N, C-alpha and C. Protein backbone atom coordinates (compact mmCIF):
# COMPACT_ATOMS: atom_id res chain seq x y z
N MET A 1 0.84 -1.21 0.02
CA MET A 1 0.04 0.00 0.01
C MET A 1 0.87 1.27 0.03
N LEU A 2 0.52 2.20 -0.84
CA LEU A 2 1.25 3.44 -0.96
C LEU A 2 0.37 4.54 -0.50
N ILE A 3 0.76 5.19 0.62
CA ILE A 3 -0.02 6.33 1.14
C ILE A 3 0.55 7.58 0.47
N ARG A 4 -0.38 8.39 -0.18
CA ARG A 4 0.02 9.56 -0.86
C ARG A 4 -0.43 10.83 -0.15
N VAL A 5 0.46 11.85 -0.06
CA VAL A 5 0.07 13.13 0.43
C VAL A 5 0.74 14.19 -0.48
N ASP A 6 0.11 15.37 -0.40
CA ASP A 6 0.67 16.58 -1.12
C ASP A 6 0.95 17.63 -0.03
N PRO A 7 2.13 17.81 0.34
CA PRO A 7 2.48 18.85 1.35
C PRO A 7 2.01 20.27 0.98
N ALA A 8 1.88 20.51 -0.29
CA ALA A 8 1.45 21.86 -0.73
C ALA A 8 -0.07 22.08 -0.71
N SER A 9 -0.80 20.99 -0.47
CA SER A 9 -2.32 21.07 -0.42
C SER A 9 -2.77 21.79 0.76
N ASP A 10 -3.92 22.46 0.67
CA ASP A 10 -4.55 23.07 1.80
C ASP A 10 -5.21 22.06 2.74
N THR A 11 -5.41 20.85 2.27
CA THR A 11 -6.00 19.79 3.07
C THR A 11 -4.98 19.26 4.09
N PRO A 12 -5.40 19.18 5.37
CA PRO A 12 -4.45 18.74 6.36
C PRO A 12 -3.89 17.30 5.99
N ILE A 13 -2.68 17.11 6.42
CA ILE A 13 -1.93 15.86 6.06
C ILE A 13 -2.67 14.63 6.61
N PHE A 14 -3.21 14.70 7.86
CA PHE A 14 -3.90 13.54 8.38
C PHE A 14 -5.15 13.23 7.54
N ALA A 15 -5.82 14.22 7.03
CA ALA A 15 -7.04 14.02 6.19
C ALA A 15 -6.59 13.44 4.83
N GLN A 16 -5.40 13.81 4.34
CA GLN A 16 -4.94 13.27 3.09
C GLN A 16 -4.63 11.76 3.26
N ILE A 17 -4.06 11.40 4.39
CA ILE A 17 -3.75 9.99 4.71
C ILE A 17 -5.10 9.18 4.72
N VAL A 18 -6.07 9.73 5.40
CA VAL A 18 -7.42 9.03 5.46
C VAL A 18 -7.93 8.90 4.04
N ALA A 19 -7.88 9.97 3.25
CA ALA A 19 -8.38 9.94 1.95
C ALA A 19 -7.67 8.89 1.07
N SER A 20 -6.36 8.81 1.19
CA SER A 20 -5.51 7.85 0.50
C SER A 20 -5.96 6.39 0.84
N VAL A 21 -6.23 6.16 2.12
CA VAL A 21 -6.66 4.82 2.53
C VAL A 21 -8.02 4.55 1.93
N HIS A 22 -8.93 5.50 2.02
CA HIS A 22 -10.26 5.35 1.42
C HIS A 22 -10.15 5.04 -0.07
N ALA A 23 -9.27 5.76 -0.74
CA ALA A 23 -9.07 5.55 -2.22
C ALA A 23 -8.60 4.16 -2.49
N ASP A 24 -7.63 3.63 -1.72
CA ASP A 24 -7.16 2.27 -1.95
C ASP A 24 -8.26 1.27 -1.68
N ALA A 25 -9.08 1.54 -0.63
CA ALA A 25 -10.18 0.63 -0.36
C ALA A 25 -11.18 0.62 -1.47
N ALA A 26 -11.53 1.79 -1.95
CA ALA A 26 -12.56 1.90 -3.05
C ALA A 26 -12.04 1.27 -4.35
N ALA A 27 -10.68 1.30 -4.56
CA ALA A 27 -10.09 0.75 -5.73
C ALA A 27 -9.91 -0.75 -5.57
N GLY A 28 -10.20 -1.33 -4.48
CA GLY A 28 -10.03 -2.74 -4.28
C GLY A 28 -8.59 -3.15 -3.98
N ARG A 29 -7.73 -2.17 -3.65
CA ARG A 29 -6.33 -2.48 -3.31
C ARG A 29 -6.19 -2.87 -1.84
N LEU A 30 -7.23 -2.67 -1.06
CA LEU A 30 -7.25 -3.13 0.34
C LEU A 30 -8.35 -4.05 0.62
N ALA A 31 -8.14 -5.12 1.32
CA ALA A 31 -9.20 -6.07 1.65
C ALA A 31 -9.19 -6.31 3.15
N ALA A 32 -10.34 -6.80 3.64
CA ALA A 32 -10.45 -7.11 5.03
C ALA A 32 -9.33 -8.02 5.49
N GLY A 33 -8.70 -7.70 6.60
CA GLY A 33 -7.56 -8.46 7.09
C GLY A 33 -6.17 -7.96 6.71
N ASP A 34 -6.12 -7.03 5.68
CA ASP A 34 -4.85 -6.38 5.31
C ASP A 34 -4.40 -5.53 6.49
N ARG A 35 -3.03 -5.46 6.58
CA ARG A 35 -2.45 -4.61 7.59
C ARG A 35 -1.94 -3.32 6.91
N LEU A 36 -2.31 -2.16 7.55
CA LEU A 36 -1.71 -0.94 7.09
C LEU A 36 -0.26 -0.83 7.56
N PRO A 37 0.58 -0.03 6.80
CA PRO A 37 1.95 0.15 7.29
C PRO A 37 1.91 0.73 8.67
N SER A 38 2.96 0.42 9.48
CA SER A 38 3.05 0.99 10.80
C SER A 38 3.01 2.52 10.71
N ALA A 39 2.52 3.14 11.74
CA ALA A 39 2.50 4.62 11.80
C ALA A 39 3.93 5.21 11.72
N ARG A 40 4.84 4.45 12.35
CA ARG A 40 6.25 4.98 12.33
C ARG A 40 6.84 4.86 10.88
N ASP A 41 6.49 3.79 10.17
CA ASP A 41 7.00 3.63 8.81
C ASP A 41 6.47 4.73 7.91
N VAL A 42 5.15 5.05 8.09
CA VAL A 42 4.44 6.00 7.22
C VAL A 42 5.12 7.39 7.55
N ALA A 43 5.20 7.73 8.80
CA ALA A 43 5.84 8.99 9.21
C ALA A 43 7.21 9.14 8.66
N GLY A 44 8.02 8.11 8.80
CA GLY A 44 9.37 8.13 8.31
C GLY A 44 9.44 8.31 6.87
N SER A 45 8.67 7.52 6.11
CA SER A 45 8.75 7.58 4.61
C SER A 45 8.19 8.91 4.06
N LEU A 46 7.18 9.51 4.72
CA LEU A 46 6.68 10.79 4.27
C LEU A 46 7.36 11.98 4.87
N GLY A 47 8.18 11.79 5.92
CA GLY A 47 8.85 12.89 6.55
C GLY A 47 7.90 13.69 7.32
N ILE A 48 6.95 13.10 8.00
CA ILE A 48 5.94 13.84 8.77
C ILE A 48 5.91 13.37 10.23
N ASN A 49 5.23 14.10 11.07
CA ASN A 49 5.16 13.76 12.46
C ASN A 49 4.38 12.44 12.73
N LEU A 50 4.86 11.58 13.60
CA LEU A 50 4.18 10.37 13.97
C LEU A 50 2.78 10.57 14.43
N HIS A 51 2.54 11.69 15.15
CA HIS A 51 1.20 11.94 15.70
C HIS A 51 0.20 12.31 14.58
N THR A 52 0.71 12.81 13.49
CA THR A 52 -0.17 13.09 12.34
C THR A 52 -0.73 11.85 11.81
N VAL A 53 0.17 10.84 11.64
CA VAL A 53 -0.27 9.51 11.07
C VAL A 53 -1.23 8.85 12.13
N LEU A 54 -0.85 8.92 13.39
CA LEU A 54 -1.72 8.28 14.38
C LEU A 54 -3.11 8.94 14.46
N ARG A 55 -3.23 10.21 14.21
CA ARG A 55 -4.51 10.93 14.10
C ARG A 55 -5.29 10.37 13.01
N ALA A 56 -4.71 10.18 11.83
CA ALA A 56 -5.35 9.59 10.67
C ALA A 56 -5.82 8.19 10.92
N TYR A 57 -4.93 7.34 11.57
CA TYR A 57 -5.31 5.95 11.84
C TYR A 57 -6.43 5.96 12.88
N GLN A 58 -6.45 6.86 13.86
CA GLN A 58 -7.47 6.90 14.81
C GLN A 58 -8.82 7.25 14.15
N GLN A 59 -8.74 8.20 13.19
CA GLN A 59 -10.03 8.52 12.46
C GLN A 59 -10.56 7.32 11.72
N LEU A 60 -9.60 6.59 11.01
CA LEU A 60 -10.01 5.37 10.31
C LEU A 60 -10.65 4.31 11.29
N ARG A 61 -10.04 4.26 12.48
CA ARG A 61 -10.57 3.39 13.48
C ARG A 61 -11.99 3.86 13.94
N ASP A 62 -12.15 5.16 14.12
CA ASP A 62 -13.47 5.72 14.54
C ASP A 62 -14.52 5.40 13.51
N GLU A 63 -14.08 5.43 12.21
CA GLU A 63 -15.03 5.14 11.09
C GLU A 63 -15.31 3.63 11.00
N GLY A 64 -14.54 2.81 11.70
CA GLY A 64 -14.76 1.38 11.64
C GLY A 64 -14.00 0.71 10.52
N LEU A 65 -13.16 1.48 9.80
CA LEU A 65 -12.43 0.88 8.65
C LEU A 65 -11.27 0.08 9.08
N VAL A 66 -10.68 0.42 10.24
CA VAL A 66 -9.52 -0.40 10.70
C VAL A 66 -9.71 -0.73 12.16
N ASP A 67 -9.09 -1.76 12.62
CA ASP A 67 -9.10 -2.10 13.99
C ASP A 67 -7.63 -1.97 14.46
N MET A 68 -7.39 -1.29 15.48
CA MET A 68 -6.06 -1.03 16.02
C MET A 68 -5.84 -1.79 17.31
N ARG A 69 -4.78 -2.60 17.33
CA ARG A 69 -4.42 -3.32 18.54
C ARG A 69 -2.93 -3.20 18.78
N ARG A 70 -2.58 -2.94 19.91
CA ARG A 70 -1.13 -2.83 20.29
C ARG A 70 -0.44 -4.12 19.93
N GLY A 71 0.66 -3.93 19.23
CA GLY A 71 1.44 -5.15 18.76
C GLY A 71 1.04 -5.73 17.51
N ARG A 72 -0.21 -5.47 17.04
CA ARG A 72 -0.70 -5.97 15.74
C ARG A 72 -0.80 -4.90 14.69
N GLY A 73 -0.88 -3.60 15.15
CA GLY A 73 -0.98 -2.53 14.11
C GLY A 73 -2.46 -2.29 13.72
N ALA A 74 -2.55 -1.67 12.59
CA ALA A 74 -3.93 -1.34 12.04
C ALA A 74 -4.31 -2.36 11.03
N ILE A 75 -5.36 -3.04 11.33
CA ILE A 75 -5.89 -4.14 10.45
C ILE A 75 -7.22 -3.67 9.77
N VAL A 76 -7.29 -3.75 8.48
CA VAL A 76 -8.51 -3.44 7.75
C VAL A 76 -9.71 -4.37 8.15
N THR A 77 -10.82 -3.74 8.41
CA THR A 77 -12.02 -4.52 8.82
C THR A 77 -12.88 -4.88 7.61
N ASP A 78 -13.94 -5.62 7.90
CA ASP A 78 -14.92 -5.90 6.86
C ASP A 78 -15.67 -4.66 6.32
N ALA A 79 -15.57 -3.51 7.03
CA ALA A 79 -16.15 -2.30 6.53
C ALA A 79 -15.62 -1.82 5.21
N VAL A 80 -14.53 -2.43 4.82
CA VAL A 80 -13.87 -2.03 3.56
C VAL A 80 -14.71 -2.56 2.34
N GLU A 81 -15.50 -3.56 2.49
CA GLU A 81 -16.21 -4.16 1.40
C GLU A 81 -17.18 -3.18 0.70
N PRO A 82 -18.02 -2.39 1.40
CA PRO A 82 -18.86 -1.46 0.70
C PRO A 82 -18.06 -0.46 -0.15
N LEU A 83 -16.92 -0.05 0.35
CA LEU A 83 -16.11 0.90 -0.45
C LEU A 83 -15.61 0.25 -1.68
N ALA A 84 -15.24 -0.97 -1.64
CA ALA A 84 -14.77 -1.74 -2.84
C ALA A 84 -15.87 -1.80 -3.88
N HIS A 85 -17.06 -1.92 -3.47
CA HIS A 85 -18.19 -2.04 -4.32
C HIS A 85 -18.44 -0.74 -5.11
N LEU A 86 -18.00 0.39 -4.57
CA LEU A 86 -18.13 1.68 -5.16
C LEU A 86 -17.19 1.87 -6.43
N HIS A 87 -16.15 1.03 -6.49
CA HIS A 87 -15.13 1.23 -7.47
C HIS A 87 -15.77 1.25 -8.92
N HIS A 88 -16.62 0.26 -9.21
CA HIS A 88 -17.25 0.25 -10.54
C HIS A 88 -18.02 1.45 -10.79
N ASP A 89 -18.80 1.89 -9.87
CA ASP A 89 -19.64 3.12 -10.00
C ASP A 89 -18.74 4.35 -10.27
N ILE A 90 -17.69 4.42 -9.51
CA ILE A 90 -16.78 5.61 -9.58
C ILE A 90 -16.12 5.58 -10.97
N ALA A 91 -15.63 4.39 -11.44
CA ALA A 91 -14.99 4.23 -12.77
C ALA A 91 -15.97 4.70 -13.84
N ALA A 92 -17.23 4.27 -13.70
CA ALA A 92 -18.22 4.64 -14.72
C ALA A 92 -18.49 6.17 -14.70
N LEU A 93 -18.56 6.77 -13.58
CA LEU A 93 -18.75 8.22 -13.48
C LEU A 93 -17.57 8.97 -14.12
N VAL A 94 -16.39 8.51 -13.82
CA VAL A 94 -15.18 9.16 -14.41
C VAL A 94 -15.17 9.02 -15.92
N ALA A 95 -15.49 7.83 -16.37
CA ALA A 95 -15.57 7.65 -17.87
C ALA A 95 -16.57 8.55 -18.49
N ARG A 96 -17.74 8.68 -17.90
CA ARG A 96 -18.81 9.57 -18.44
C ARG A 96 -18.35 11.01 -18.39
N ALA A 97 -17.71 11.43 -17.30
CA ALA A 97 -17.18 12.85 -17.20
C ALA A 97 -16.14 13.11 -18.28
N ARG A 98 -15.31 12.12 -18.54
CA ARG A 98 -14.29 12.34 -19.61
C ARG A 98 -14.92 12.51 -20.98
N THR A 99 -15.96 11.69 -21.22
CA THR A 99 -16.63 11.84 -22.52
C THR A 99 -17.29 13.27 -22.62
N LEU A 100 -17.68 13.86 -21.54
CA LEU A 100 -18.26 15.18 -21.57
C LEU A 100 -17.19 16.28 -21.53
N GLY A 101 -15.93 15.84 -21.36
CA GLY A 101 -14.80 16.82 -21.33
C GLY A 101 -14.67 17.56 -20.04
N LEU A 102 -15.19 16.97 -18.97
CA LEU A 102 -15.06 17.59 -17.67
C LEU A 102 -13.65 17.36 -17.14
N ALA A 103 -13.10 18.35 -16.53
CA ALA A 103 -11.77 18.20 -15.80
C ALA A 103 -12.02 17.45 -14.47
N ALA A 104 -10.96 16.89 -14.01
CA ALA A 104 -11.05 16.16 -12.74
C ALA A 104 -11.51 17.00 -11.61
N ASP A 105 -10.94 18.24 -11.56
CA ASP A 105 -11.31 19.21 -10.45
C ASP A 105 -12.82 19.57 -10.56
N THR A 106 -13.33 19.62 -11.78
CA THR A 106 -14.70 19.97 -11.90
C THR A 106 -15.64 18.83 -11.45
N LEU A 107 -15.26 17.59 -11.81
CA LEU A 107 -15.98 16.45 -11.40
C LEU A 107 -15.95 16.37 -9.91
N ALA A 108 -14.79 16.54 -9.24
CA ALA A 108 -14.63 16.50 -7.79
C ALA A 108 -15.54 17.51 -7.15
N ALA A 109 -15.58 18.73 -7.70
CA ALA A 109 -16.42 19.75 -7.08
C ALA A 109 -17.90 19.38 -7.29
N LEU A 110 -18.28 18.85 -8.34
CA LEU A 110 -19.68 18.41 -8.52
C LEU A 110 -20.05 17.30 -7.53
N VAL A 111 -19.17 16.39 -7.33
CA VAL A 111 -19.42 15.26 -6.34
C VAL A 111 -19.57 15.84 -4.98
N LYS A 112 -18.60 16.72 -4.61
CA LYS A 112 -18.70 17.34 -3.24
C LYS A 112 -19.97 18.10 -3.06
N GLU A 113 -20.37 18.85 -4.06
CA GLU A 113 -21.61 19.63 -3.95
C GLU A 113 -22.82 18.75 -3.85
N THR A 114 -22.90 17.70 -4.61
CA THR A 114 -23.97 16.73 -4.55
C THR A 114 -24.02 15.99 -3.23
N TYR A 115 -22.86 15.69 -2.68
CA TYR A 115 -22.79 14.92 -1.45
C TYR A 115 -23.34 15.70 -0.22
N ARG A 116 -23.21 17.02 -0.33
CA ARG A 116 -23.63 17.90 0.76
C ARG A 116 -25.12 17.83 0.84
């Protein structure tokens, strides 16, 4: 699993980590029982504070997407399955937006507006 962040983004780093895990789950790259990289490994590889990663992992735990146990790390739960089912719908939406000539930022803004 590759956690991606953009330090230049206005979105807080912990929220970017959460979004990256959500994206991997929706794309089917994460399955129930998979282990997320240790918070120390993520912090070290991204050059960010350990507590930032822990905050992201705690949010994922609060959402029920991961189970955190001392000594075992963060394990993906069965809650990942509904996200994985969205992958087909998301791919179809993106394909339709491309045929209409919509930019990715425009599509994202439309989705955010509709979600509210």
